[in-house]
N, C-alpha and C. Protein backbone atom coordinates (compact mmCIF):
# COMPACT_ATOMS: atom_id res chain seq x y z
N UNK A 1 -27.12 -20.71 6.98
CA UNK A 1 -25.87 -21.03 7.64
C UNK A 1 -24.87 -19.90 7.46
N UNK A 2 -24.06 -19.68 8.45
CA UNK A 2 -23.03 -18.65 8.35
C UNK A 2 -21.77 -19.25 7.75
N UNK A 3 -21.06 -18.42 7.01
CA UNK A 3 -19.82 -18.89 6.40
C UNK A 3 -18.65 -18.54 7.28
N UNK A 4 -17.62 -19.37 7.20
CA UNK A 4 -16.40 -19.14 7.95
C UNK A 4 -15.75 -17.85 7.43
N UNK A 5 -15.19 -17.04 8.33
CA UNK A 5 -14.63 -15.75 7.94
C UNK A 5 -13.25 -15.87 7.31
N UNK A 6 -12.45 -16.84 7.76
CA UNK A 6 -11.10 -17.00 7.24
C UNK A 6 -11.16 -17.77 5.93
N UNK A 7 -10.74 -17.12 4.86
CA UNK A 7 -10.82 -17.74 3.53
C UNK A 7 -9.47 -17.67 2.84
N UNK A 8 -9.33 -18.52 1.83
CA UNK A 8 -8.13 -18.57 1.01
C UNK A 8 -7.94 -17.22 0.33
N UNK A 9 -6.68 -16.75 0.29
CA UNK A 9 -6.37 -15.48 -0.36
C UNK A 9 -5.35 -15.70 -1.47
N UNK A 10 -5.00 -14.65 -2.14
CA UNK A 10 -3.97 -14.72 -3.19
C UNK A 10 -2.61 -14.27 -2.67
N UNK A 11 -2.53 -13.90 -1.40
CA UNK A 11 -1.26 -13.47 -0.82
C UNK A 11 -0.25 -14.62 -0.88
N UNK A 12 1.00 -14.31 -1.08
CA UNK A 12 2.07 -15.29 -1.12
C UNK A 12 2.48 -15.72 0.29
N UNK A 13 2.55 -17.04 0.51
CA UNK A 13 3.00 -17.57 1.80
C UNK A 13 4.45 -17.15 2.07
N UNK A 14 5.28 -17.19 1.05
CA UNK A 14 6.68 -16.79 1.21
C UNK A 14 6.80 -15.32 1.58
N UNK A 15 6.01 -14.47 0.93
CA UNK A 15 6.03 -13.04 1.25
C UNK A 15 5.55 -12.81 2.68
N UNK A 16 4.54 -13.54 3.09
CA UNK A 16 4.05 -13.42 4.46
C UNK A 16 5.16 -13.78 5.45
N UNK A 17 5.83 -14.89 5.21
CA UNK A 17 6.91 -15.31 6.12
C UNK A 17 8.04 -14.28 6.14
N UNK A 18 8.40 -13.74 4.99
CA UNK A 18 9.46 -12.73 4.94
C UNK A 18 9.08 -11.47 5.72
N UNK A 19 7.78 -11.24 5.88
CA UNK A 19 7.33 -10.04 6.59
C UNK A 19 7.29 -10.20 8.11
N UNK A 20 7.54 -11.39 8.61
CA UNK A 20 7.52 -11.62 10.06
C UNK A 20 8.70 -10.87 10.68
N UNK A 21 8.45 -9.94 11.58
CA UNK A 21 9.54 -9.11 12.11
C UNK A 21 10.52 -9.85 13.02
N UNK A 22 10.07 -10.84 13.75
CA UNK A 22 10.93 -11.57 14.68
C UNK A 22 11.77 -12.60 13.92
N UNK A 23 13.09 -12.46 13.99
CA UNK A 23 14.00 -13.35 13.25
C UNK A 23 13.78 -14.82 13.58
N UNK A 24 13.69 -15.15 14.86
CA UNK A 24 13.54 -16.55 15.27
C UNK A 24 12.21 -17.11 14.76
N UNK A 25 11.14 -16.36 14.89
CA UNK A 25 9.82 -16.81 14.43
C UNK A 25 9.82 -16.98 12.91
N UNK A 26 10.48 -16.06 12.20
CA UNK A 26 10.57 -16.15 10.74
C UNK A 26 11.33 -17.41 10.32
N UNK A 27 12.43 -17.73 11.01
CA UNK A 27 13.20 -18.94 10.69
C UNK A 27 12.39 -20.20 10.95
N UNK A 28 11.65 -20.23 12.06
CA UNK A 28 10.81 -21.39 12.36
C UNK A 28 9.69 -21.54 11.33
N UNK A 29 9.11 -20.43 10.93
CA UNK A 29 8.05 -20.47 9.91
C UNK A 29 8.61 -20.99 8.59
N UNK A 30 9.83 -20.60 8.25
CA UNK A 30 10.49 -21.08 7.03
C UNK A 30 10.71 -22.59 7.12
N UNK A 31 11.14 -23.07 8.29
CA UNK A 31 11.33 -24.51 8.50
C UNK A 31 10.01 -25.26 8.37
N UNK A 32 8.97 -24.73 9.00
CA UNK A 32 7.66 -25.38 8.92
C UNK A 32 7.14 -25.41 7.50
N UNK A 33 7.33 -24.32 6.77
CA UNK A 33 6.90 -24.27 5.38
C UNK A 33 7.56 -25.40 4.58
N UNK A 34 8.85 -25.58 4.76
CA UNK A 34 9.56 -26.65 4.06
C UNK A 34 9.05 -28.02 4.46
N UNK A 35 8.79 -28.22 5.75
CA UNK A 35 8.28 -29.52 6.23
C UNK A 35 6.90 -29.80 5.63
N UNK A 36 6.00 -28.84 5.72
CA UNK A 36 4.65 -29.05 5.21
C UNK A 36 4.65 -29.27 3.70
N UNK A 37 5.45 -28.50 2.97
CA UNK A 37 5.51 -28.68 1.51
C UNK A 37 6.00 -30.07 1.16
N UNK A 38 7.05 -30.53 1.83
CA UNK A 38 7.60 -31.86 1.55
C UNK A 38 6.63 -32.96 1.93
N UNK A 39 6.07 -32.87 3.12
CA UNK A 39 5.18 -33.93 3.63
C UNK A 39 3.88 -34.00 2.83
N UNK A 40 3.30 -32.85 2.49
CA UNK A 40 1.99 -32.86 1.81
C UNK A 40 2.09 -32.97 0.30
N UNK A 41 3.19 -32.46 -0.27
CA UNK A 41 3.28 -32.41 -1.72
C UNK A 41 2.33 -31.38 -2.33
N UNK A 42 1.81 -30.50 -1.50
CA UNK A 42 0.84 -29.50 -1.94
C UNK A 42 1.43 -28.10 -1.84
N UNK A 43 0.97 -27.19 -2.68
CA UNK A 43 1.47 -25.81 -2.59
C UNK A 43 0.87 -25.10 -1.40
N UNK A 44 1.62 -24.20 -0.79
CA UNK A 44 1.08 -23.42 0.33
C UNK A 44 0.15 -22.33 -0.18
N UNK A 45 -0.91 -22.10 0.57
CA UNK A 45 -1.85 -21.02 0.27
C UNK A 45 -2.13 -20.26 1.56
N UNK A 46 -2.24 -18.98 1.46
CA UNK A 46 -2.60 -18.17 2.62
C UNK A 46 -4.11 -18.25 2.85
N UNK A 47 -4.47 -18.35 4.11
CA UNK A 47 -5.87 -18.33 4.54
C UNK A 47 -5.97 -17.18 5.53
N UNK A 48 -6.75 -16.19 5.18
CA UNK A 48 -6.80 -14.99 6.01
C UNK A 48 -5.45 -14.29 5.95
N UNK A 49 -5.08 -13.65 7.03
CA UNK A 49 -3.84 -12.87 7.03
C UNK A 49 -2.65 -13.59 7.62
N UNK A 50 -2.87 -14.77 8.28
CA UNK A 50 -1.74 -15.36 8.98
C UNK A 50 -1.69 -16.88 9.02
N UNK A 51 -2.57 -17.55 8.29
CA UNK A 51 -2.56 -19.02 8.27
C UNK A 51 -2.05 -19.49 6.92
N UNK A 52 -1.10 -20.41 6.97
CA UNK A 52 -0.59 -21.04 5.74
C UNK A 52 -1.17 -22.44 5.69
N UNK A 53 -1.99 -22.70 4.69
CA UNK A 53 -2.68 -23.98 4.58
C UNK A 53 -2.27 -24.76 3.35
N UNK A 54 -2.55 -26.04 3.41
CA UNK A 54 -2.21 -26.97 2.32
C UNK A 54 -3.44 -27.80 2.00
N UNK A 55 -3.87 -27.75 0.74
CA UNK A 55 -5.09 -28.44 0.35
C UNK A 55 -6.29 -27.77 0.97
N UNK A 56 -7.48 -28.32 0.70
CA UNK A 56 -8.69 -27.78 1.32
C UNK A 56 -9.79 -28.82 1.30
N UNK A 57 -10.76 -28.62 2.16
CA UNK A 57 -11.94 -29.48 2.20
C UNK A 57 -13.13 -28.62 2.59
N UNK A 58 -14.32 -29.14 2.32
CA UNK A 58 -15.53 -28.43 2.69
C UNK A 58 -15.80 -28.64 4.17
N UNK A 59 -15.96 -27.53 4.88
CA UNK A 59 -16.14 -27.52 6.32
C UNK A 59 -17.60 -27.24 6.64
N UNK A 60 -18.19 -28.08 7.50
CA UNK A 60 -19.53 -27.82 8.03
C UNK A 60 -19.50 -28.20 9.50
N UNK A 61 -19.62 -27.21 10.36
CA UNK A 61 -19.55 -27.44 11.79
C UNK A 61 -20.74 -28.24 12.28
N UNK A 62 -20.46 -29.19 13.17
CA UNK A 62 -21.54 -29.97 13.79
C UNK A 62 -22.12 -29.22 14.98
N UNK A 63 -21.40 -28.20 15.49
CA UNK A 63 -21.84 -27.47 16.68
C UNK A 63 -22.48 -26.12 16.37
N UNK A 64 -22.29 -25.64 15.14
CA UNK A 64 -22.89 -24.34 14.79
C UNK A 64 -23.35 -24.42 13.33
N UNK A 65 -23.78 -23.30 12.81
CA UNK A 65 -24.24 -23.29 11.42
C UNK A 65 -23.14 -22.84 10.47
N UNK A 66 -21.91 -22.80 10.95
CA UNK A 66 -20.79 -22.34 10.14
C UNK A 66 -20.41 -23.38 9.08
N UNK A 67 -20.07 -22.89 7.88
CA UNK A 67 -19.61 -23.78 6.82
C UNK A 67 -18.67 -23.01 5.90
N UNK A 68 -17.93 -23.75 5.08
CA UNK A 68 -17.02 -23.13 4.13
C UNK A 68 -15.88 -24.05 3.78
N UNK A 69 -14.78 -23.48 3.30
CA UNK A 69 -13.59 -24.25 2.96
C UNK A 69 -12.54 -24.00 4.03
N UNK A 70 -11.70 -25.02 4.27
CA UNK A 70 -10.65 -24.90 5.27
C UNK A 70 -9.48 -25.77 4.83
N UNK A 71 -8.26 -25.42 5.22
CA UNK A 71 -7.10 -26.24 4.82
C UNK A 71 -7.16 -27.65 5.42
N UNK A 72 -6.62 -28.60 4.69
CA UNK A 72 -6.51 -29.97 5.21
C UNK A 72 -5.55 -30.00 6.40
N UNK A 73 -4.44 -29.30 6.26
CA UNK A 73 -3.46 -29.10 7.33
C UNK A 73 -2.86 -27.71 7.13
N UNK A 74 -2.25 -27.18 8.17
CA UNK A 74 -1.64 -25.87 8.03
C UNK A 74 -0.99 -25.42 9.31
N UNK A 75 -0.49 -24.19 9.28
CA UNK A 75 0.15 -23.62 10.46
C UNK A 75 0.09 -22.11 10.41
N UNK A 76 0.32 -21.52 11.57
CA UNK A 76 0.41 -20.08 11.68
C UNK A 76 1.50 -19.74 12.71
N UNK A 77 2.45 -18.90 12.32
CA UNK A 77 3.50 -18.48 13.26
C UNK A 77 3.00 -17.33 14.14
N UNK A 78 2.21 -17.67 15.13
CA UNK A 78 1.65 -16.66 16.02
C UNK A 78 2.71 -16.13 16.98
N UNK A 79 2.45 -15.01 17.59
CA UNK A 79 3.41 -14.37 18.48
C UNK A 79 3.78 -15.27 19.67
N UNK A 80 2.80 -15.88 20.30
CA UNK A 80 3.05 -16.71 21.48
C UNK A 80 3.54 -18.11 21.14
N UNK A 81 2.98 -18.71 20.10
CA UNK A 81 3.26 -20.10 19.75
C UNK A 81 3.21 -20.29 18.25
N UNK A 82 3.78 -21.40 17.82
CA UNK A 82 3.53 -21.88 16.47
C UNK A 82 2.24 -22.69 16.58
N UNK A 83 1.23 -22.33 15.81
CA UNK A 83 -0.05 -23.04 15.84
C UNK A 83 -0.14 -23.92 14.61
N UNK A 84 -0.27 -25.23 14.83
CA UNK A 84 -0.40 -26.17 13.72
C UNK A 84 -1.83 -26.68 13.70
N UNK A 85 -2.43 -26.70 12.51
CA UNK A 85 -3.82 -27.11 12.36
C UNK A 85 -3.86 -28.58 11.98
N UNK A 86 -4.25 -29.39 12.95
CA UNK A 86 -4.36 -30.84 12.80
C UNK A 86 -5.85 -31.13 12.87
N UNK A 87 -6.51 -31.09 11.73
CA UNK A 87 -7.95 -31.04 11.67
C UNK A 87 -8.70 -32.27 12.18
N UNK A 88 -8.12 -33.48 12.14
CA UNK A 88 -8.88 -34.60 12.71
C UNK A 88 -8.96 -34.55 14.24
N UNK A 89 -8.23 -33.63 14.87
CA UNK A 89 -8.14 -33.62 16.32
C UNK A 89 -7.03 -34.56 16.76
N UNK A 90 -6.99 -34.90 18.04
CA UNK A 90 -5.85 -35.63 18.56
C UNK A 90 -6.19 -36.98 19.20
N UNK A 91 -7.44 -37.39 19.14
CA UNK A 91 -7.88 -38.63 19.79
C UNK A 91 -7.07 -39.84 19.34
N UNK A 92 -6.70 -39.89 18.07
CA UNK A 92 -5.98 -41.05 17.53
C UNK A 92 -4.47 -40.87 17.50
N UNK A 93 -3.98 -39.79 18.05
CA UNK A 93 -2.56 -39.48 17.92
C UNK A 93 -1.82 -39.43 19.26
N UNK A 94 -2.37 -40.07 20.28
CA UNK A 94 -1.79 -40.01 21.62
C UNK A 94 -0.34 -40.47 21.68
N UNK A 95 -0.03 -41.59 21.02
CA UNK A 95 1.34 -42.11 21.06
C UNK A 95 2.31 -41.12 20.41
N UNK A 96 1.90 -40.50 19.32
CA UNK A 96 2.76 -39.51 18.66
C UNK A 96 2.96 -38.28 19.55
N UNK A 97 1.90 -37.84 20.19
CA UNK A 97 2.01 -36.65 21.04
C UNK A 97 2.95 -36.89 22.21
N UNK A 98 2.97 -38.12 22.73
CA UNK A 98 3.88 -38.45 23.84
C UNK A 98 5.33 -38.34 23.40
N UNK A 99 5.61 -38.66 22.14
CA UNK A 99 6.98 -38.62 21.62
C UNK A 99 7.37 -37.23 21.09
N UNK A 100 6.39 -36.37 20.90
CA UNK A 100 6.63 -35.08 20.24
C UNK A 100 7.51 -34.13 21.05
N UNK A 101 7.27 -34.03 22.32
CA UNK A 101 7.96 -33.03 23.13
C UNK A 101 6.94 -32.04 23.66
N UNK A 102 7.39 -30.96 24.29
CA UNK A 102 6.46 -30.02 24.94
C UNK A 102 5.51 -29.37 23.94
N UNK A 103 4.23 -29.41 24.27
CA UNK A 103 3.20 -28.84 23.41
C UNK A 103 1.90 -28.71 24.20
N UNK A 104 0.95 -28.03 23.62
CA UNK A 104 -0.42 -27.97 24.13
C UNK A 104 -1.34 -28.21 22.94
N UNK A 105 -2.56 -28.65 23.24
CA UNK A 105 -3.53 -28.86 22.17
C UNK A 105 -4.87 -28.24 22.54
N UNK A 106 -5.64 -27.94 21.51
CA UNK A 106 -7.06 -27.63 21.66
C UNK A 106 -7.75 -28.56 20.66
N UNK A 107 -8.96 -28.32 20.30
CA UNK A 107 -9.72 -29.24 19.45
C UNK A 107 -8.93 -29.67 18.21
N UNK A 108 -8.46 -28.73 17.41
CA UNK A 108 -7.73 -29.05 16.19
C UNK A 108 -6.41 -28.32 16.05
N UNK A 109 -5.94 -27.73 17.15
CA UNK A 109 -4.69 -26.97 17.09
C UNK A 109 -3.64 -27.58 18.01
N UNK A 110 -2.43 -27.61 17.48
CA UNK A 110 -1.26 -28.03 18.24
C UNK A 110 -0.41 -26.79 18.44
N UNK A 111 -0.10 -26.47 19.70
CA UNK A 111 0.67 -25.28 20.02
C UNK A 111 2.07 -25.67 20.46
N UNK A 112 3.07 -25.11 19.79
CA UNK A 112 4.47 -25.38 20.09
C UNK A 112 5.16 -24.05 20.32
N UNK A 113 5.94 -23.95 21.38
CA UNK A 113 6.69 -22.70 21.63
C UNK A 113 7.80 -22.52 20.60
N UNK A 114 8.64 -23.56 20.45
CA UNK A 114 9.77 -23.49 19.51
C UNK A 114 9.96 -24.84 18.84
N UNK A 115 10.26 -24.82 17.57
CA UNK A 115 10.50 -26.07 16.85
C UNK A 115 11.64 -26.87 17.46
N UNK A 116 12.63 -26.19 18.00
CA UNK A 116 13.78 -26.87 18.61
C UNK A 116 13.37 -27.68 19.84
N UNK A 117 12.19 -27.44 20.38
CA UNK A 117 11.71 -28.18 21.55
C UNK A 117 11.10 -29.53 21.21
N UNK A 118 10.75 -29.73 19.93
CA UNK A 118 10.02 -30.95 19.57
C UNK A 118 10.86 -31.87 18.68
N UNK A 119 10.45 -33.13 18.65
CA UNK A 119 11.09 -34.15 17.83
C UNK A 119 10.53 -34.01 16.41
N UNK A 120 11.34 -33.48 15.50
CA UNK A 120 10.88 -33.17 14.13
C UNK A 120 10.38 -34.40 13.37
N UNK A 121 11.06 -35.57 13.44
CA UNK A 121 10.50 -36.74 12.74
C UNK A 121 9.09 -37.10 13.23
N UNK A 122 8.84 -36.94 14.51
CA UNK A 122 7.50 -37.21 15.04
C UNK A 122 6.51 -36.17 14.53
N UNK A 123 6.93 -34.92 14.48
CA UNK A 123 6.08 -33.86 13.94
C UNK A 123 5.72 -34.16 12.49
N UNK A 124 6.69 -34.59 11.71
CA UNK A 124 6.45 -34.93 10.31
C UNK A 124 5.42 -36.07 10.21
N UNK A 125 5.57 -37.07 11.06
CA UNK A 125 4.63 -38.20 11.06
C UNK A 125 3.23 -37.74 11.44
N UNK A 126 3.12 -36.85 12.40
CA UNK A 126 1.83 -36.32 12.82
C UNK A 126 1.14 -35.57 11.67
N UNK A 127 1.89 -34.75 10.97
CA UNK A 127 1.34 -34.01 9.83
C UNK A 127 0.91 -34.99 8.74
N UNK A 128 1.75 -35.98 8.45
CA UNK A 128 1.45 -36.98 7.43
C UNK A 128 0.17 -37.74 7.76
N UNK A 129 0.06 -38.21 9.00
CA UNK A 129 -1.13 -38.97 9.40
C UNK A 129 -2.38 -38.10 9.38
N UNK A 130 -2.25 -36.86 9.82
CA UNK A 130 -3.38 -35.95 9.80
C UNK A 130 -3.88 -35.73 8.38
N UNK A 131 -2.96 -35.48 7.46
CA UNK A 131 -3.33 -35.28 6.05
C UNK A 131 -4.01 -36.53 5.50
N UNK A 132 -3.42 -37.68 5.75
CA UNK A 132 -3.98 -38.95 5.26
C UNK A 132 -5.39 -39.16 5.80
N UNK A 133 -5.58 -38.90 7.10
CA UNK A 133 -6.89 -39.07 7.71
C UNK A 133 -7.92 -38.09 7.14
N UNK A 134 -7.51 -36.87 6.88
CA UNK A 134 -8.42 -35.88 6.30
C UNK A 134 -8.81 -36.26 4.87
N UNK A 135 -7.83 -36.70 4.09
CA UNK A 135 -8.12 -37.11 2.71
C UNK A 135 -9.10 -38.28 2.70
N UNK A 136 -8.90 -39.22 3.59
CA UNK A 136 -9.78 -40.39 3.67
C UNK A 136 -11.19 -39.98 4.14
N UNK A 137 -11.25 -39.18 5.17
CA UNK A 137 -12.54 -38.78 5.76
C UNK A 137 -13.39 -37.95 4.80
N UNK A 138 -12.75 -37.08 4.07
CA UNK A 138 -13.49 -36.14 3.23
C UNK A 138 -13.50 -36.53 1.76
N UNK A 139 -12.87 -37.64 1.43
CA UNK A 139 -12.91 -38.13 0.06
C UNK A 139 -12.30 -37.18 -0.96
N UNK A 140 -11.37 -36.37 -0.51
CA UNK A 140 -10.73 -35.45 -1.44
C UNK A 140 -9.37 -36.03 -1.83
N UNK A 141 -8.90 -35.60 -2.97
CA UNK A 141 -7.59 -36.02 -3.43
C UNK A 141 -6.64 -34.85 -3.33
N UNK A 142 -5.37 -35.17 -3.17
CA UNK A 142 -4.36 -34.12 -3.13
C UNK A 142 -4.49 -33.29 -4.37
């Protein structure tokens, strides 16, 4: 089996955020960091060069031979969008997504242009439910 390339690093999440050149993106990343820390109760860890993750679980793809560790939840302040990693996917979160505001999704990613565009209490609930579902599914503890 092949291992996932993006792995936990020792880089500081705060230092990474401070290095973001775009002021608006840096402020949004700082806001997201505070939200994720409060909601999860877990310390932030860098995964690869640009993903801030919280907690971890053993990953084994059902579609390929890839396996490894991956954050339970996380985000990345990408140039085009804020990418939030909602690992259970979105099948059970339709009502929350309707209340969230403008966004796009892929299998496990939620894409938001700007935090000011979305309903923050709904975002917090989505992160909370995602974490709870991942902990239950994978039998891991915070």
